[in-house]
C-alpha atoms as a PDB file:
ATOM      1  CA  UNK A   1      -0.146   0.125   0.346  1.00  0.00           C
ATOM      2  CA  UNK A   2       3.058   2.233   0.300  1.00  0.00           C
ATOM      3  CA  UNK A   3       6.819   2.788   0.555  1.00  0.00           C
ATOM      4  CA  UNK A   4       8.864   4.887   2.465  1.00  0.00           C
ATOM      5  CA  UNK A   5      11.612   2.431   1.337  1.00  0.00           C
ATOM      6  CA  UNK A   6      14.992   4.790   2.260  1.00  0.00           C
ATOM      7  CA  UNK A   7      17.671   5.182   4.184  1.00  0.00           C
ATOM      8  CA  UNK A   8      19.921   8.052   5.941  1.00  0.00           C
ATOM      9  CA  UNK A   9      20.677   8.930   9.520  1.00  0.00           C
ATOM     10  CA  UNK A  10      17.544   9.198  10.746  1.00  0.00           C
ATOM     11  CA  UNK A  11      13.929   7.602   9.219  1.00  0.00           C
ATOM     12  CA  UNK A  12      10.355   8.255  11.140  1.00  0.00           C
ATOM     13  CA  UNK A  13       8.259   5.436   9.391  1.00  0.00           C
ATOM     14  CA  UNK A  14       4.659   6.034  10.060  1.00  0.00           C
ATOM     15  CA  UNK A  15       1.639   3.481   8.995  1.00  0.00           C
ATOM     16  CA  UNK A  16      -1.989   4.277   8.186  1.00  0.00           C
ATOM     17  CA  UNK A  17      -4.892   1.452   7.789  1.00  0.00           C
ATOM     18  CA  UNK A  18      -7.988   1.485   6.612  1.00  0.00           C
ATOM     19  CA  UNK A  19     -10.514  -0.746   4.232  1.00  0.00           C
ATOM     20  CA  UNK A  20     -11.220  -0.832   0.807  1.00  0.00           C
ATOM     21  CA  UNK A  21     -14.595  -2.349  -0.389  1.00  0.00           C
ATOM     22  CA  UNK A  22     -14.135  -5.121  -3.405  1.00  0.00           C
ATOM     23  CA  UNK A  23     -13.312  -3.974  -6.424  1.00  0.00           C
ATOM     24  CA  UNK A  24     -13.828  -0.307  -5.426  1.00  0.00           C
ATOM     25  CA  UNK A  25      -9.293   0.161  -4.958  1.00  0.00           C
ATOM     26  CA  UNK A  26      -7.665   1.336  -8.289  1.00  0.00           C
ATOM     27  CA  UNK A  27      -4.474  -0.433  -8.825  1.00  0.00           C
ATOM     28  CA  UNK A  28      -1.426   0.495 -11.200  1.00  0.00           C
ATOM     29  CA  UNK A  29      -2.654  -2.959 -13.070  1.00  0.00           C
ATOM     30  CA  UNK A  30      -5.490  -1.906 -14.943  1.00  0.00           C
ATOM     31  CA  UNK A  31      -4.147   0.765 -17.771  1.00  0.00           C
ATOM     32  CA  UNK A  32      -5.379  -0.769 -20.981  1.00  0.00           C
ATOM     33  CA  UNK A  33      -3.779  -0.156 -24.557  1.00  0.00           C
ATOM     34  CA  UNK A  34      -5.012   3.051 -25.925  1.00  0.00           C
ATOM     35  CA  UNK A  35      -5.927   4.430 -22.656  1.00  0.00           C
ATOM     36  CA  UNK A  36      -5.107   8.144 -22.186  1.00  0.00           C
ATOM     37  CA  UNK A  37      -2.899   9.318 -19.217  1.00  0.00           C
ATOM     38  CA  UNK A  38      -3.083  12.067 -17.140  1.00  0.00           C
ATOM     39  CA  UNK A  39      -1.319  14.090 -13.968  1.00  0.00           C
ATOM     40  CA  UNK A  40      -2.691  16.448 -12.237  1.00  0.00           C
ATOM     41  CA  UNK A  41      -1.274  19.476 -10.719  1.00  0.00           C
ATOM     42  CA  UNK A  42       2.253  20.558 -11.768  1.00  0.00           C
ATOM     43  CA  UNK A  43       5.778  18.717 -12.023  1.00  0.00           C
ATOM     44  CA  UNK A  44       9.113  19.337 -11.111  1.00  0.00           C
ATOM     45  CA  UNK A  45       8.868  22.160  -8.253  1.00  0.00           C
ATOM     46  CA  UNK A  46       9.404  19.811  -5.052  1.00  0.00           C
ATOM     47  CA  UNK A  47      12.282  18.629  -6.858  1.00  0.00           C
ATOM     48  CA  UNK A  48      13.629  22.175  -7.986  1.00  0.00           C
ATOM     49  CA  UNK A  49      13.294  23.215  -4.099  1.00  0.00           C
ATOM     50  CA  UNK A  50      16.047  20.458  -2.635  1.00  0.00           C
ATOM     51  CA  UNK A  51      18.891  22.865  -3.096  1.00  0.00           C
ATOM     52  CA  UNK A  52      16.832  25.455  -1.662  1.00  0.00           C
ATOM     53  CA  UNK A  53      15.754  23.983   1.643  1.00  0.00           C
ATOM     54  CA  UNK A  54      18.946  22.653   1.888  1.00  0.00           C
ATOM     55  CA  UNK A  55      20.517  25.838   1.790  1.00  0.00           C
ATOM     56  CA  UNK A  56      22.662  24.947  -1.129  1.00  0.00           C
ATOM     57  CA  UNK A  57      21.195  27.682  -3.344  1.00  0.00           C
ATOM     58  CA  UNK A  58      20.318  31.703  -2.203  1.00  0.00           C
ATOM     59  CA  UNK A  59      17.602  32.781  -4.098  1.00  0.00           C
ATOM     60  CA  UNK A  60      14.976  35.879  -3.239  1.00  0.00           C
ATOM     61  CA  UNK A  61      12.547  35.947  -0.765  1.00  0.00           C
ATOM     62  CA  UNK A  62       9.436  35.158  -3.535  1.00  0.00           C
ATOM     63  CA  UNK A  63      11.212  32.459  -4.742  1.00  0.00           C
ATOM     64  CA  UNK A  64      12.140  30.710  -1.689  1.00  0.00           C
ATOM     65  CA  UNK A  65       8.872  30.954  -0.274  1.00  0.00           C
ATOM     66  CA  UNK A  66       7.693  29.284  -3.277  1.00  0.00           C
ATOM     67  CA  UNK A  67       9.272  26.408  -4.131  1.00  0.00           C
ATOM     68  CA  UNK A  68       9.461  26.102   0.259  1.00  0.00           C
ATOM     69  CA  UNK A  69       5.664  25.558  -0.219  1.00  0.00           C
ATOM     70  CA  UNK A  70       5.958  23.192  -3.158  1.00  0.00           C
ATOM     71  CA  UNK A  71       8.279  20.960  -1.644  1.00  0.00           C
ATOM     72  CA  UNK A  72       7.627  20.886   2.352  1.00  0.00           C
ATOM     73  CA  UNK A  73       3.165  21.387   2.114  1.00  0.00           C
ATOM     74  CA  UNK A  74       2.328  19.215  -1.238  1.00  0.00           C
ATOM     75  CA  UNK A  75      -1.067  19.051  -1.706  1.00  0.00           C
ATOM     76  CA  UNK A  76      -2.233  15.083  -1.283  1.00  0.00           C
ATOM     77  CA  UNK A  77      -4.788  14.499  -4.271  1.00  0.00           C
ATOM     78  CA  UNK A  78      -7.297  12.512  -1.647  1.00  0.00           C
ATOM     79  CA  UNK A  79     -10.763  13.928  -3.208  1.00  0.00           C
ATOM     80  CA  UNK A  80      -9.478  14.423  -6.833  1.00  0.00           C
ATOM     81  CA  UNK A  81      -8.421  10.361  -6.402  1.00  0.00           C
ATOM     82  CA  UNK A  82     -11.775   9.411  -5.028  1.00  0.00           C
ATOM     83  CA  UNK A  83     -14.009  11.277  -7.179  1.00  0.00           C
ATOM     84  CA  UNK A  84     -12.012   9.938 -10.341  1.00  0.00           C
ATOM     85  CA  UNK A  85     -11.706   6.340  -9.289  1.00  0.00           C
ATOM     86  CA  UNK A  86     -15.240   5.558 -11.163  1.00  0.00           C
ATOM     87  CA  UNK A  87     -13.733   6.781 -14.548  1.00  0.00           C
ATOM     88  CA  UNK A  88      -9.921   5.765 -14.819  1.00  0.00           C
ATOM     89  CA  UNK A  89      -8.531   2.278 -15.416  1.00  0.00           C
ATOM     90  CA  UNK A  90      -5.350   2.619 -13.084  1.00  0.00           C
ATOM     91  CA  UNK A  91      -4.133   5.573 -11.350  1.00  0.00           C
ATOM     92  CA  UNK A  92      -1.133   6.502  -8.435  1.00  0.00           C
ATOM     93  CA  UNK A  93       1.081   8.833  -6.932  1.00  0.00           C
ATOM     94  CA  UNK A  94       4.429  10.851  -8.273  1.00  0.00           C
ATOM     95  CA  UNK A  95       6.697  10.676  -5.808  1.00  0.00           C
ATOM     96  CA  UNK A  96       9.590   9.676  -7.687  1.00  0.00           C
ATOM     97  CA  UNK A  97       9.078  11.456 -10.527  1.00  0.00           C
ATOM     98  CA  UNK A  98       6.834  10.607 -13.320  1.00  0.00           C
ATOM     99  CA  UNK A  99       9.052   8.861 -15.253  1.00  0.00           C
ATOM    100  CA  UNK A 100      10.157   6.152 -12.859  1.00  0.00           C
ATOM    101  CA  UNK A 101       6.301   5.953 -11.234  1.00  0.00           C
ATOM    102  CA  UNK A 102       4.621   5.349 -15.004  1.00  0.00           C
ATOM    103  CA  UNK A 103       6.577   2.548 -15.574  1.00  0.00           C
ATOM    104  CA  UNK A 104       4.838   1.239 -11.953  1.00  0.00           C
ATOM    105  CA  UNK A 105       1.931   1.404 -13.899  1.00  0.00           C
ATOM    106  CA  UNK A 106       3.674  -0.041 -17.179  1.00  0.00           C
ATOM    107  CA  UNK A 107       4.777  -3.248 -15.534  1.00  0.00           C
ATOM    108  CA  UNK A 108       1.977  -4.101 -13.316  1.00  0.00           C
ATOM    109  CA  UNK A 109      -0.692  -3.752 -16.584  1.00  0.00           C
ATOM    110  CA  UNK A 110       1.770  -5.051 -19.045  1.00  0.00           C
ATOM    111  CA  UNK A 111       1.509  -2.190 -21.537  1.00  0.00           C
ATOM    112  CA  UNK A 112       3.486   0.539 -22.734  1.00  0.00           C
ATOM    113  CA  UNK A 113       3.574   4.075 -22.798  1.00  0.00           C
ATOM    114  CA  UNK A 114       4.111   7.489 -24.778  1.00  0.00           C
ATOM    115  CA  UNK A 115       4.314  10.235 -23.334  1.00  0.00           C
ATOM    116  CA  UNK A 116       4.627  13.754 -24.790  1.00  0.00           C
ATOM    117  CA  UNK A 117       7.371  16.253 -22.938  1.00  0.00           C
ATOM    118  CA  UNK A 118       6.172  19.020 -24.153  1.00  0.00           C
ATOM    119  CA  UNK A 119       2.503  18.545 -21.955  1.00  0.00           C
ATOM    120  CA  UNK A 120       3.847  18.435 -19.247  1.00  0.00           C
ATOM    121  CA  UNK A 121       2.974  20.589 -16.638  1.00  0.00           C
ATOM    122  CA  UNK A 122       5.457  23.556 -15.421  1.00  0.00           C
ATOM    123  CA  UNK A 123       4.702  25.784 -13.106  1.00  0.00           C
ATOM    124  CA  UNK A 124       6.116  29.392 -14.841  1.00  0.00           C
ATOM    125  CA  UNK A 125       7.888  29.714 -11.728  1.00  0.00           C
ATOM    126  CA  UNK A 126      10.136  26.798 -12.758  1.00  0.00           C
ATOM    127  CA  UNK A 127      10.449  27.612 -16.197  1.00  0.00           C
ATOM    128  CA  UNK A 128      11.227  30.538 -15.714  1.00  0.00           C
ATOM    129  CA  UNK A 129      14.190  30.273 -13.111  1.00  0.00           C
ATOM    130  CA  UNK A 130      15.220  26.898 -14.674  1.00  0.00           C
ATOM    131  CA  UNK A 131      14.246  26.862 -18.002  1.00  0.00           C
ATOM    132  CA  UNK A 132      16.875  24.616 -18.847  1.00  0.00           C
ATOM    133  CA  UNK A 133      16.248  21.609 -16.813  1.00  0.00           C
ATOM    134  CA  UNK A 134      12.779  22.490 -16.081  1.00  0.00           C
ATOM    135  CA  UNK A 135      11.256  19.299 -18.340  1.00  0.00           C
ATOM    136  CA  UNK A 136      14.156  16.664 -16.709  1.00  0.00           C
ATOM    137  CA  UNK A 137      13.234  17.930 -13.657  1.00  0.00           C
ATOM    138  CA  UNK A 138       8.935  17.133 -14.543  1.00  0.00           C
ATOM    139  CA  UNK A 139      10.100  14.058 -15.292  1.00  0.00           C
ATOM    140  CA  UNK A 140      12.496  12.398 -13.000  1.00  0.00           C
ATOM    141  CA  UNK A 141      12.372  15.259 -10.034  1.00  0.00           C
ATOM    142  CA  UNK A 142       9.803  13.135  -7.750  1.00  0.00           C
ATOM    143  CA  UNK A 143       8.103  14.394  -4.337  1.00  0.00           C
ATOM    144  CA  UNK A 144       5.148  16.578  -6.194  1.00  0.00           C
ATOM    145  CA  UNK A 145       2.736  13.903  -4.798  1.00  0.00           C
ATOM    146  CA  UNK A 146       0.630  14.505  -7.706  1.00  0.00           C
ATOM    147  CA  UNK A 147      -1.857  11.827  -9.424  1.00  0.00           C
ATOM    148  CA  UNK A 148      -0.670  10.153 -12.497  1.00  0.00           C
ATOM    149  CA  UNK A 149      -3.361   8.359 -13.848  1.00  0.00           C
ATOM    150  CA  UNK A 150      -4.984   6.274 -17.164  1.00  0.00           C
ATOM    151  CA  UNK A 151      -8.535   6.584 -18.654  1.00  0.00           C
ATOM    152  CA  UNK A 152     -10.134   5.376 -21.682  1.00  0.00           C
ATOM    153  CA  UNK A 153     -10.751   8.220 -24.290  1.00  0.00           C
ATOM    154  CA  UNK A 154     -14.730   8.254 -24.005  1.00  0.00           C
ATOM    155  CA  UNK A 155     -13.777   9.686 -20.701  1.00  0.00           C
ATOM    156  CA  UNK A 156     -12.054  13.223 -21.834  1.00  0.00           C
ATOM    157  CA  UNK A 157     -15.053  15.275 -20.515  1.00  0.00           C
ATOM    158  CA  UNK A 158     -15.624  13.337 -17.590  1.00  0.00           C
ATOM    159  CA  UNK A 159     -12.297  13.758 -15.979  1.00  0.00           C
ATOM    160  CA  UNK A 160     -12.164  17.717 -17.335  1.00  0.00           C
ATOM    161  CA  UNK A 161     -15.841  18.358 -15.015  1.00  0.00           C
ATOM    162  CA  UNK A 162     -14.527  16.497 -11.910  1.00  0.00           C
ATOM    163  CA  UNK A 163     -11.169  18.363 -12.345  1.00  0.00           C
ATOM    164  CA  UNK A 164     -12.517  21.289 -13.488  1.00  0.00           C
ATOM    165  CA  UNK A 165     -14.934  21.471 -10.395  1.00  0.00           C
ATOM    166  CA  UNK A 166     -12.282  21.058  -8.566  1.00  0.00           C
ATOM    167  CA  UNK A 167     -10.065  23.796  -9.750  1.00  0.00           C
ATOM    168  CA  UNK A 168      -7.334  20.932 -10.206  1.00  0.00           C
ATOM    169  CA  UNK A 169      -5.432  21.126 -13.269  1.00  0.00           C
ATOM    170  CA  UNK A 170      -5.251  17.698 -14.850  1.00  0.00           C
ATOM    171  CA  UNK A 171      -2.913  17.243 -18.263  1.00  0.00           C
ATOM    172  CA  UNK A 172      -3.093  14.944 -21.166  1.00  0.00           C
ATOM    173  CA  UNK A 173       0.108  13.891 -21.310  1.00  0.00           C
ATOM    174  CA  UNK A 174       0.450  10.751 -23.309  1.00  0.00           C
ATOM    175  CA  UNK A 175      -1.113   7.405 -24.126  1.00  0.00           C
ATOM    176  CA  UNK A 176      -1.011   3.284 -23.332  1.00  0.00           C
ATOM    177  CA  UNK A 177       0.479   1.323 -25.635  1.00  0.00           C
ATOM    178  CA  UNK A 178       1.244  -2.115 -26.868  1.00  0.00           C
ATOM    179  CA  UNK A 179       4.916  -1.759 -25.467  1.00  0.00           C
ATOM    180  CA  UNK A 180       7.948   0.492 -24.294  1.00  0.00           C
ATOM    181  CA  UNK A 181       8.329   3.627 -22.772  1.00  0.00           C
ATOM    182  CA  UNK A 182       9.122   6.638 -25.371  1.00  0.00           C
ATOM    183  CA  UNK A 183       9.328  10.141 -24.159  1.00  0.00           C
ATOM    184  CA  UNK A 184       9.049  12.763 -27.328  1.00  0.00           C
ATOM    185  CA  UNK A 185      10.801  16.106 -27.233  1.00  0.00           C
ATOM    186  CA  UNK A 186      12.835  14.211 -24.523  1.00  0.00           C
ATOM    187  CA  UNK A 187      16.261  13.031 -24.756  1.00  0.00           C
ATOM    188  CA  UNK A 188      17.301  13.104 -21.193  1.00  0.00           C
ATOM    189  CA  UNK A 189      17.645  10.276 -18.493  1.00  0.00           C
ATOM    190  CA  UNK A 190      14.793   8.944 -17.114  1.00  0.00           C
ATOM    191  CA  UNK A 191      15.808   7.464 -13.683  1.00  0.00           C
ATOM    192  CA  UNK A 192      13.682   9.195 -10.701  1.00  0.00           C
ATOM    193  CA  UNK A 193      14.634   9.422  -7.829  1.00  0.00           C
ATOM    194  CA  UNK A 194      16.761   5.795  -6.120  1.00  0.00           C
ATOM    195  CA  UNK A 195      16.090   5.244  -2.932  1.00  0.00           C
ATOM    196  CA  UNK A 196      19.288   2.698  -2.444  1.00  0.00           C
END
């Protein structure tokens, strides 16, 4: 149900237990060929914040405030997840970077994906501050805790209605295909956060 698989001089682990009615849980294993791939919110800000929150990089107070919030106070998409569960095929949160986390869905579902890096939702703040690294951070950075999900093309209007009602940005970034992972308009590394 969760990870928190990491190492370091101090590790504090919490567990939350609950229950889900039979057949009501959305798993990673439900993606189908032809599904659209979506992500909620914005990607890359939390990863960009790391050198700021660790003190390695000094920035303006305005920039510090924005990225500090994005790193330390991510907004869990619990309500969105519950609202979307009836229209999506597969879903998970993005904790280790989209490029890495989408591969968990692909492996569990036995499918592939085509993602267009030009469609990644990146904040104006990140685009202006780190234009050369924004796409790589959005794909591989992690710690955004946004949702990545797949759904049939016929659900596009319903997904738009749900996310607009919640005032939650939601972006189609690709499509589920039979096999492989292709990220168009990007030629960098696609490895996300490595726990060990």
